[in-house]
Each structure stands twice: as C-alpha cells, then as structure tokens.
Amino acid sequence: MSETVDSGNPPTWDGVKKTVAVFMERFAAHACDQSFGEALEFKAADLPATADATSIETTPDDEVFAKNAKMSKKAVSQLTQAHAANSGLSFIHQSESQAHPCGLACLAWNAMKKKHKPKDNCGFS
C-alpha cells in the first residue's frame, strides 16, 4: 500500500493482510474528513428499513434516515473504490440485501474489522 492520499480520494488497499491495519486507520480518517465517518458505525436503528424509504421525507426521523442512507451509500462507494484487489470486495457484497442493494457500509466495515483485527489491538480501533 504505497499511495499518496489526497483529500478527495480514499486510500487504497492492495489486499495484503500485513497492510490492512494501516489501510483501515487511513480509511477511517478519510471517512471523517469526507463527512461520512459516522456511516461506518451505524446500527440498524440509524437507517431506514429499505433504501426506497429515503425517497419520501415527511417527518424529522425520515429526514435523518434519508441523510444516514445517503451517507452510507457514499461510504460504500468510497470503500469499494479503496479496494485495489478483489479480496476485500466480498465484505461489501455480503452487506448487500434486497432492502439495501448497494450494501451497508457499517456491515462491511464491521466484518472487515472482525476478520482483520490484530491480536495485540495496538493502533487498531
């Protein structure tokens, strides 16, 4: 993983296990910088039941759901672009459902963290 990170493009991951911790820290920082960091930590209650539910905004909760769904879509898009190898894309595909065909960033991110969490936990959030 030897790339120069600019503020608009996500850091990339080459799929090599020894570089995943650095990638995840950089991606989390990128997500915060690009205002979608929250989407990596969403819970089901933070999102609408379906992606289509975001098209009608009638209550304050609907507006929050719409904002969160948009943020999650951006996070999924950036996470997808960040994978320079196919190895990490399975996390994104596993987060897809009929209700959320683009996937949910929080599910993909948490699955990635769970699989690649180092044994010492030093420097890994």
N, C-alpha and C. Protein backbone atom coordinates (compact mmCIF):
# COMPACT_ATOMS: atom_id res chain seq x y z
N MET A 1 0.85 -1.17 0.00
CA MET A 1 0.00 0.00 0.00
C MET A 1 0.89 1.22 0.00
N SER A 2 1.32 1.64 -1.16
CA SER A 2 2.18 2.82 -1.23
C SER A 2 1.52 3.83 -2.16
N GLU A 3 0.64 4.62 -1.61
CA GLU A 3 -0.04 5.62 -2.41
C GLU A 3 -0.03 6.96 -1.67
N THR A 4 -0.19 7.99 -2.43
CA THR A 4 -0.34 9.31 -1.86
C THR A 4 -1.83 9.56 -1.72
N VAL A 5 -2.26 9.95 -0.55
CA VAL A 5 -3.67 10.15 -0.30
C VAL A 5 -3.98 11.63 -0.44
N ASP A 6 -4.94 11.96 -1.32
CA ASP A 6 -5.40 13.35 -1.36
C ASP A 6 -6.75 13.39 -0.67
N SER A 7 -7.22 14.57 -0.39
CA SER A 7 -8.43 14.70 0.43
C SER A 7 -9.68 14.18 -0.25
N GLY A 8 -9.70 14.03 -1.57
CA GLY A 8 -10.91 13.57 -2.23
C GLY A 8 -10.97 12.09 -2.49
N ASN A 9 -9.84 11.46 -2.67
CA ASN A 9 -9.81 10.04 -3.00
C ASN A 9 -9.49 9.21 -1.77
N PRO A 10 -10.13 8.04 -1.66
CA PRO A 10 -9.84 7.20 -0.49
C PRO A 10 -8.47 6.55 -0.61
N PRO A 11 -7.87 6.21 0.53
CA PRO A 11 -6.64 5.43 0.47
C PRO A 11 -6.98 4.07 -0.12
N THR A 12 -6.03 3.42 -0.72
CA THR A 12 -6.31 2.12 -1.33
C THR A 12 -5.67 1.00 -0.52
N TRP A 13 -6.27 -0.17 -0.67
CA TRP A 13 -5.74 -1.36 -0.02
C TRP A 13 -5.44 -2.40 -1.07
N ASP A 14 -4.25 -2.95 -1.02
CA ASP A 14 -3.80 -3.92 -2.02
C ASP A 14 -4.23 -5.35 -1.71
N GLY A 15 -4.96 -5.57 -0.64
CA GLY A 15 -5.44 -6.90 -0.30
C GLY A 15 -4.46 -7.72 0.53
N VAL A 16 -3.31 -7.16 0.83
CA VAL A 16 -2.29 -7.87 1.61
C VAL A 16 -2.60 -7.68 3.10
N LYS A 17 -2.68 -8.80 3.80
CA LYS A 17 -3.08 -8.77 5.21
C LYS A 17 -2.18 -7.87 6.07
N LYS A 18 -0.88 -7.84 5.79
CA LYS A 18 0.02 -7.06 6.64
C LYS A 18 -0.20 -5.55 6.49
N THR A 19 -0.92 -5.10 5.47
CA THR A 19 -1.17 -3.67 5.29
C THR A 19 -2.59 -3.25 5.68
N VAL A 20 -3.41 -4.19 6.12
CA VAL A 20 -4.81 -3.86 6.37
C VAL A 20 -5.01 -2.91 7.56
N ALA A 21 -4.23 -3.05 8.61
CA ALA A 21 -4.40 -2.18 9.78
C ALA A 21 -4.15 -0.72 9.42
N VAL A 22 -3.09 -0.46 8.67
CA VAL A 22 -2.78 0.90 8.25
C VAL A 22 -3.87 1.41 7.32
N PHE A 23 -4.32 0.57 6.39
CA PHE A 23 -5.39 0.97 5.48
C PHE A 23 -6.64 1.35 6.27
N MET A 24 -7.03 0.53 7.23
CA MET A 24 -8.27 0.80 7.96
C MET A 24 -8.18 2.09 8.77
N GLU A 25 -7.04 2.36 9.34
CA GLU A 25 -6.87 3.62 10.07
C GLU A 25 -6.95 4.81 9.11
N ARG A 26 -6.30 4.68 7.96
CA ARG A 26 -6.34 5.77 6.97
C ARG A 26 -7.74 5.95 6.40
N PHE A 27 -8.42 4.83 6.15
CA PHE A 27 -9.77 4.94 5.59
C PHE A 27 -10.72 5.58 6.60
N ALA A 28 -10.59 5.22 7.87
CA ALA A 28 -11.43 5.83 8.91
C ALA A 28 -11.18 7.34 8.98
N ALA A 29 -9.92 7.74 8.87
CA ALA A 29 -9.60 9.18 8.87
C ALA A 29 -10.18 9.86 7.63
N HIS A 30 -10.07 9.20 6.48
CA HIS A 30 -10.64 9.73 5.24
C HIS A 30 -12.16 9.88 5.38
N ALA A 31 -12.79 8.87 5.97
CA ALA A 31 -14.24 8.91 6.14
C ALA A 31 -14.67 10.10 7.00
N CYS A 32 -13.93 10.36 8.05
CA CYS A 32 -14.23 11.51 8.90
C CYS A 32 -13.99 12.81 8.15
N ASP A 33 -12.90 12.88 7.41
CA ASP A 33 -12.56 14.07 6.64
C ASP A 33 -13.63 14.37 5.58
N GLN A 34 -14.21 13.32 5.02
CA GLN A 34 -15.20 13.48 3.96
C GLN A 34 -16.64 13.46 4.50
N SER A 35 -16.80 13.52 5.81
CA SER A 35 -18.10 13.62 6.48
C SER A 35 -19.01 12.41 6.31
N PHE A 36 -18.42 11.22 6.24
CA PHE A 36 -19.25 10.01 6.27
C PHE A 36 -18.72 8.98 7.26
N GLY A 37 -17.87 9.42 8.16
CA GLY A 37 -17.29 8.52 9.15
C GLY A 37 -18.33 7.85 10.03
N GLU A 38 -19.39 8.59 10.35
CA GLU A 38 -20.48 8.05 11.16
C GLU A 38 -21.08 6.79 10.53
N ALA A 39 -21.14 6.77 9.21
CA ALA A 39 -21.78 5.66 8.50
C ALA A 39 -21.08 4.33 8.74
N LEU A 40 -19.81 4.37 9.10
CA LEU A 40 -19.07 3.13 9.36
C LEU A 40 -19.50 2.50 10.68
N GLU A 41 -20.11 3.29 11.55
CA GLU A 41 -20.50 2.79 12.87
C GLU A 41 -22.02 2.77 13.09
N PHE A 42 -22.80 2.97 12.04
CA PHE A 42 -24.26 2.96 12.19
C PHE A 42 -24.75 1.63 12.75
N LYS A 43 -25.89 1.68 13.40
CA LYS A 43 -26.64 0.50 13.84
C LYS A 43 -27.91 0.44 12.99
N ALA A 44 -28.61 -0.67 13.01
CA ALA A 44 -29.81 -0.82 12.19
C ALA A 44 -30.83 0.29 12.48
N ALA A 45 -30.94 0.71 13.72
CA ALA A 45 -31.91 1.74 14.08
C ALA A 45 -31.60 3.10 13.46
N ASP A 46 -30.37 3.28 12.98
CA ASP A 46 -29.95 4.55 12.38
C ASP A 46 -30.36 4.67 10.91
N LEU A 47 -30.80 3.55 10.32
CA LEU A 47 -31.06 3.51 8.88
C LEU A 47 -32.50 3.14 8.59
N PRO A 48 -33.01 3.57 7.43
CA PRO A 48 -34.37 3.18 7.07
C PRO A 48 -34.43 1.68 6.79
N ALA A 49 -35.63 1.10 6.89
CA ALA A 49 -35.79 -0.34 6.68
C ALA A 49 -35.42 -0.74 5.25
N THR A 50 -35.66 0.16 4.30
CA THR A 50 -35.29 -0.12 2.92
C THR A 50 -34.66 1.12 2.30
N ALA A 51 -33.91 0.91 1.25
CA ALA A 51 -33.29 2.04 0.55
C ALA A 51 -34.35 2.94 -0.06
N ASP A 52 -35.48 2.38 -0.47
CA ASP A 52 -36.57 3.17 -1.08
C ASP A 52 -37.23 4.10 -0.08
N ALA A 53 -37.14 3.80 1.20
CA ALA A 53 -37.79 4.62 2.22
C ALA A 53 -37.23 6.02 2.27
N THR A 54 -36.09 6.24 1.63
CA THR A 54 -35.48 7.57 1.69
C THR A 54 -36.08 8.54 0.68
N SER A 55 -36.95 8.07 -0.20
CA SER A 55 -37.48 8.95 -1.24
C SER A 55 -38.58 9.87 -0.72
N ILE A 56 -39.22 9.53 0.39
CA ILE A 56 -40.29 10.37 0.94
C ILE A 56 -39.85 10.85 2.30
N GLU A 57 -39.70 12.17 2.42
CA GLU A 57 -39.28 12.75 3.69
C GLU A 57 -40.45 13.54 4.26
N THR A 58 -41.12 12.99 5.28
CA THR A 58 -42.29 13.66 5.84
C THR A 58 -42.12 14.01 7.31
N THR A 59 -41.28 13.32 8.00
CA THR A 59 -41.06 13.59 9.42
C THR A 59 -39.58 13.84 9.66
N PRO A 60 -39.24 14.42 10.80
CA PRO A 60 -37.82 14.61 11.10
C PRO A 60 -37.04 13.29 11.09
N ASP A 61 -37.67 12.20 11.58
CA ASP A 61 -37.00 10.90 11.55
C ASP A 61 -36.71 10.46 10.12
N ASP A 62 -37.67 10.70 9.21
CA ASP A 62 -37.46 10.35 7.81
C ASP A 62 -36.29 11.13 7.22
N GLU A 63 -36.17 12.39 7.60
CA GLU A 63 -35.06 13.20 7.11
C GLU A 63 -33.72 12.67 7.62
N VAL A 64 -33.69 12.25 8.88
CA VAL A 64 -32.47 11.67 9.44
C VAL A 64 -32.14 10.36 8.73
N PHE A 65 -33.15 9.51 8.52
CA PHE A 65 -32.94 8.25 7.81
C PHE A 65 -32.41 8.51 6.40
N ALA A 66 -32.98 9.50 5.72
CA ALA A 66 -32.54 9.83 4.36
C ALA A 66 -31.09 10.29 4.36
N LYS A 67 -30.73 11.13 5.32
CA LYS A 67 -29.35 11.62 5.44
C LYS A 67 -28.40 10.46 5.74
N ASN A 68 -28.80 9.58 6.65
CA ASN A 68 -27.96 8.45 7.02
C ASN A 68 -27.80 7.47 5.86
N ALA A 69 -28.88 7.23 5.11
CA ALA A 69 -28.81 6.32 3.97
C ALA A 69 -27.89 6.89 2.90
N LYS A 70 -27.96 8.19 2.67
CA LYS A 70 -27.09 8.83 1.70
C LYS A 70 -25.63 8.73 2.15
N MET A 71 -25.38 8.93 3.44
CA MET A 71 -24.04 8.84 3.98
C MET A 71 -23.51 7.41 3.84
N SER A 72 -24.37 6.42 4.09
CA SER A 72 -23.95 5.02 3.97
C SER A 72 -23.62 4.68 2.53
N LYS A 73 -24.42 5.17 1.57
CA LYS A 73 -24.13 4.91 0.16
C LYS A 73 -22.78 5.50 -0.24
N LYS A 74 -22.49 6.70 0.26
CA LYS A 74 -21.19 7.32 -0.05
C LYS A 74 -20.06 6.49 0.55
N ALA A 75 -20.26 6.01 1.78
CA ALA A 75 -19.24 5.20 2.43
C ALA A 75 -19.00 3.90 1.67
N VAL A 76 -20.08 3.25 1.21
CA VAL A 76 -19.93 2.01 0.44
C VAL A 76 -19.18 2.30 -0.86
N SER A 77 -19.54 3.39 -1.50
CA SER A 77 -18.87 3.76 -2.75
C SER A 77 -17.38 3.98 -2.53
N GLN A 78 -17.02 4.73 -1.51
CA GLN A 78 -15.62 5.02 -1.22
C GLN A 78 -14.87 3.75 -0.79
N LEU A 79 -15.53 2.89 -0.02
CA LEU A 79 -14.90 1.65 0.41
C LEU A 79 -14.66 0.74 -0.79
N THR A 80 -15.59 0.72 -1.72
CA THR A 80 -15.43 -0.08 -2.93
C THR A 80 -14.26 0.43 -3.76
N GLN A 81 -14.18 1.74 -3.94
CA GLN A 81 -13.09 2.33 -4.71
C GLN A 81 -11.73 2.13 -4.04
N ALA A 82 -11.73 1.97 -2.73
CA ALA A 82 -10.49 1.83 -1.99
C ALA A 82 -9.83 0.46 -2.17
N HIS A 83 -10.58 -0.52 -2.63
CA HIS A 83 -10.02 -1.86 -2.77
C HIS A 83 -9.34 -2.01 -4.13
N ALA A 84 -8.03 -2.10 -4.09
CA ALA A 84 -7.25 -2.27 -5.32
C ALA A 84 -7.20 -3.74 -5.73
N ALA A 85 -7.62 -4.63 -4.83
CA ALA A 85 -7.66 -6.07 -5.10
C ALA A 85 -9.06 -6.57 -4.78
N ASN A 86 -9.42 -7.71 -5.33
CA ASN A 86 -10.75 -8.26 -5.12
C ASN A 86 -10.98 -8.81 -3.72
N SER A 87 -9.93 -9.05 -2.97
CA SER A 87 -10.05 -9.74 -1.69
C SER A 87 -10.99 -9.05 -0.70
N GLY A 88 -11.06 -7.75 -0.67
CA GLY A 88 -11.91 -7.06 0.28
C GLY A 88 -13.32 -6.80 -0.20
N LEU A 89 -13.56 -6.99 -1.48
CA LEU A 89 -14.89 -6.69 -2.02
C LEU A 89 -15.97 -7.63 -1.50
N SER A 90 -15.58 -8.81 -1.03
CA SER A 90 -16.57 -9.75 -0.51
C SER A 90 -17.30 -9.16 0.70
N PHE A 91 -16.62 -8.35 1.49
CA PHE A 91 -17.27 -7.73 2.65
C PHE A 91 -18.40 -6.82 2.19
N ILE A 92 -18.19 -6.11 1.10
CA ILE A 92 -19.21 -5.21 0.57
C ILE A 92 -20.37 -6.02 0.01
N HIS A 93 -20.06 -7.05 -0.77
CA HIS A 93 -21.12 -7.88 -1.35
C HIS A 93 -21.95 -8.56 -0.26
N GLN A 94 -21.33 -8.97 0.81
CA GLN A 94 -22.07 -9.61 1.90
C GLN A 94 -22.97 -8.63 2.64
N SER A 95 -22.72 -7.34 2.51
CA SER A 95 -23.56 -6.34 3.19
C SER A 95 -24.78 -5.95 2.36
N GLU A 96 -24.85 -6.44 1.12
CA GLU A 96 -25.97 -6.13 0.25
C GLU A 96 -27.17 -6.99 0.62
N SER A 97 -28.35 -6.42 0.43
CA SER A 97 -29.59 -7.17 0.68
C SER A 97 -30.65 -6.64 -0.28
N GLN A 98 -31.77 -7.29 -0.26
CA GLN A 98 -32.87 -6.83 -1.11
C GLN A 98 -33.32 -5.44 -0.67
N ALA A 99 -33.31 -5.20 0.62
CA ALA A 99 -33.71 -3.90 1.15
C ALA A 99 -32.67 -2.82 0.87
N HIS A 100 -31.40 -3.21 0.87
CA HIS A 100 -30.31 -2.26 0.63
C HIS A 100 -29.38 -2.85 -0.44
N PRO A 101 -29.75 -2.73 -1.71
CA PRO A 101 -28.98 -3.37 -2.79
C PRO A 101 -27.56 -2.82 -2.95
N CYS A 102 -27.29 -1.61 -2.52
CA CYS A 102 -25.93 -1.05 -2.60
C CYS A 102 -25.06 -1.56 -1.46
N GLY A 103 -25.68 -2.13 -0.45
CA GLY A 103 -24.96 -2.60 0.72
C GLY A 103 -24.99 -1.55 1.82
N LEU A 104 -24.56 -1.96 3.00
CA LEU A 104 -24.49 -1.06 4.14
C LEU A 104 -23.04 -0.98 4.59
N ALA A 105 -22.54 0.22 4.64
CA ALA A 105 -21.13 0.44 5.00
C ALA A 105 -20.81 -0.13 6.37
N CYS A 106 -21.72 0.05 7.32
CA CYS A 106 -21.43 -0.41 8.68
C CYS A 106 -21.26 -1.93 8.74
N LEU A 107 -22.04 -2.67 7.97
CA LEU A 107 -21.90 -4.12 7.97
C LEU A 107 -20.58 -4.54 7.34
N ALA A 108 -20.24 -3.94 6.21
CA ALA A 108 -18.98 -4.27 5.54
C ALA A 108 -17.79 -3.90 6.41
N TRP A 109 -17.83 -2.72 7.01
CA TRP A 109 -16.73 -2.24 7.83
C TRP A 109 -16.53 -3.12 9.06
N ASN A 110 -17.64 -3.46 9.73
CA ASN A 110 -17.53 -4.28 10.93
C ASN A 110 -17.04 -5.69 10.61
N ALA A 111 -17.47 -6.24 9.48
CA ALA A 111 -16.99 -7.57 9.06
C ALA A 111 -15.49 -7.52 8.77
N MET A 112 -15.06 -6.44 8.14
CA MET A 112 -13.64 -6.28 7.85
C MET A 112 -12.82 -6.15 9.14
N LYS A 113 -13.33 -5.35 10.07
CA LYS A 113 -12.64 -5.19 11.35
C LYS A 113 -12.56 -6.51 12.10
N LYS A 114 -13.64 -7.26 12.09
CA LYS A 114 -13.68 -8.53 12.80
C LYS A 114 -12.66 -9.52 12.22
N LYS A 115 -12.62 -9.60 10.90
CA LYS A 115 -11.71 -10.56 10.26
C LYS A 115 -10.25 -10.17 10.43
N HIS A 116 -9.94 -8.89 10.35
CA HIS A 116 -8.55 -8.45 10.30
C HIS A 116 -8.04 -7.83 11.60
N LYS A 117 -8.78 -7.95 12.68
CA LYS A 117 -8.35 -7.35 13.94
C LYS A 117 -7.06 -8.03 14.42
N PRO A 118 -6.00 -7.25 14.63
CA PRO A 118 -4.75 -7.86 15.09
C PRO A 118 -4.88 -8.38 16.53
N LYS A 119 -4.05 -9.32 16.87
CA LYS A 119 -4.11 -9.92 18.19
C LYS A 119 -3.71 -8.95 19.31
N ASP A 120 -2.84 -7.98 19.01
CA ASP A 120 -2.40 -7.06 20.07
C ASP A 120 -3.30 -5.83 20.22
N ASN A 121 -4.15 -5.54 19.24
CA ASN A 121 -5.08 -4.40 19.28
C ASN A 121 -4.40 -3.05 19.37
N CYS A 122 -3.12 -2.99 19.26
CA CYS A 122 -2.39 -1.73 19.36
C CYS A 122 -2.54 -0.95 18.06
N GLY A 123 -3.09 0.24 18.13
CA GLY A 123 -3.23 1.09 16.96
C GLY A 123 -4.36 0.68 16.06
N PHE A 124 -5.33 -0.04 16.55
CA PHE A 124 -6.44 -0.51 15.71
C PHE A 124 -7.73 -0.21 16.43
N SER A 125 -8.56 0.62 15.83
CA SER A 125 -9.81 0.98 16.50
C SER A 125 -10.96 0.18 15.97
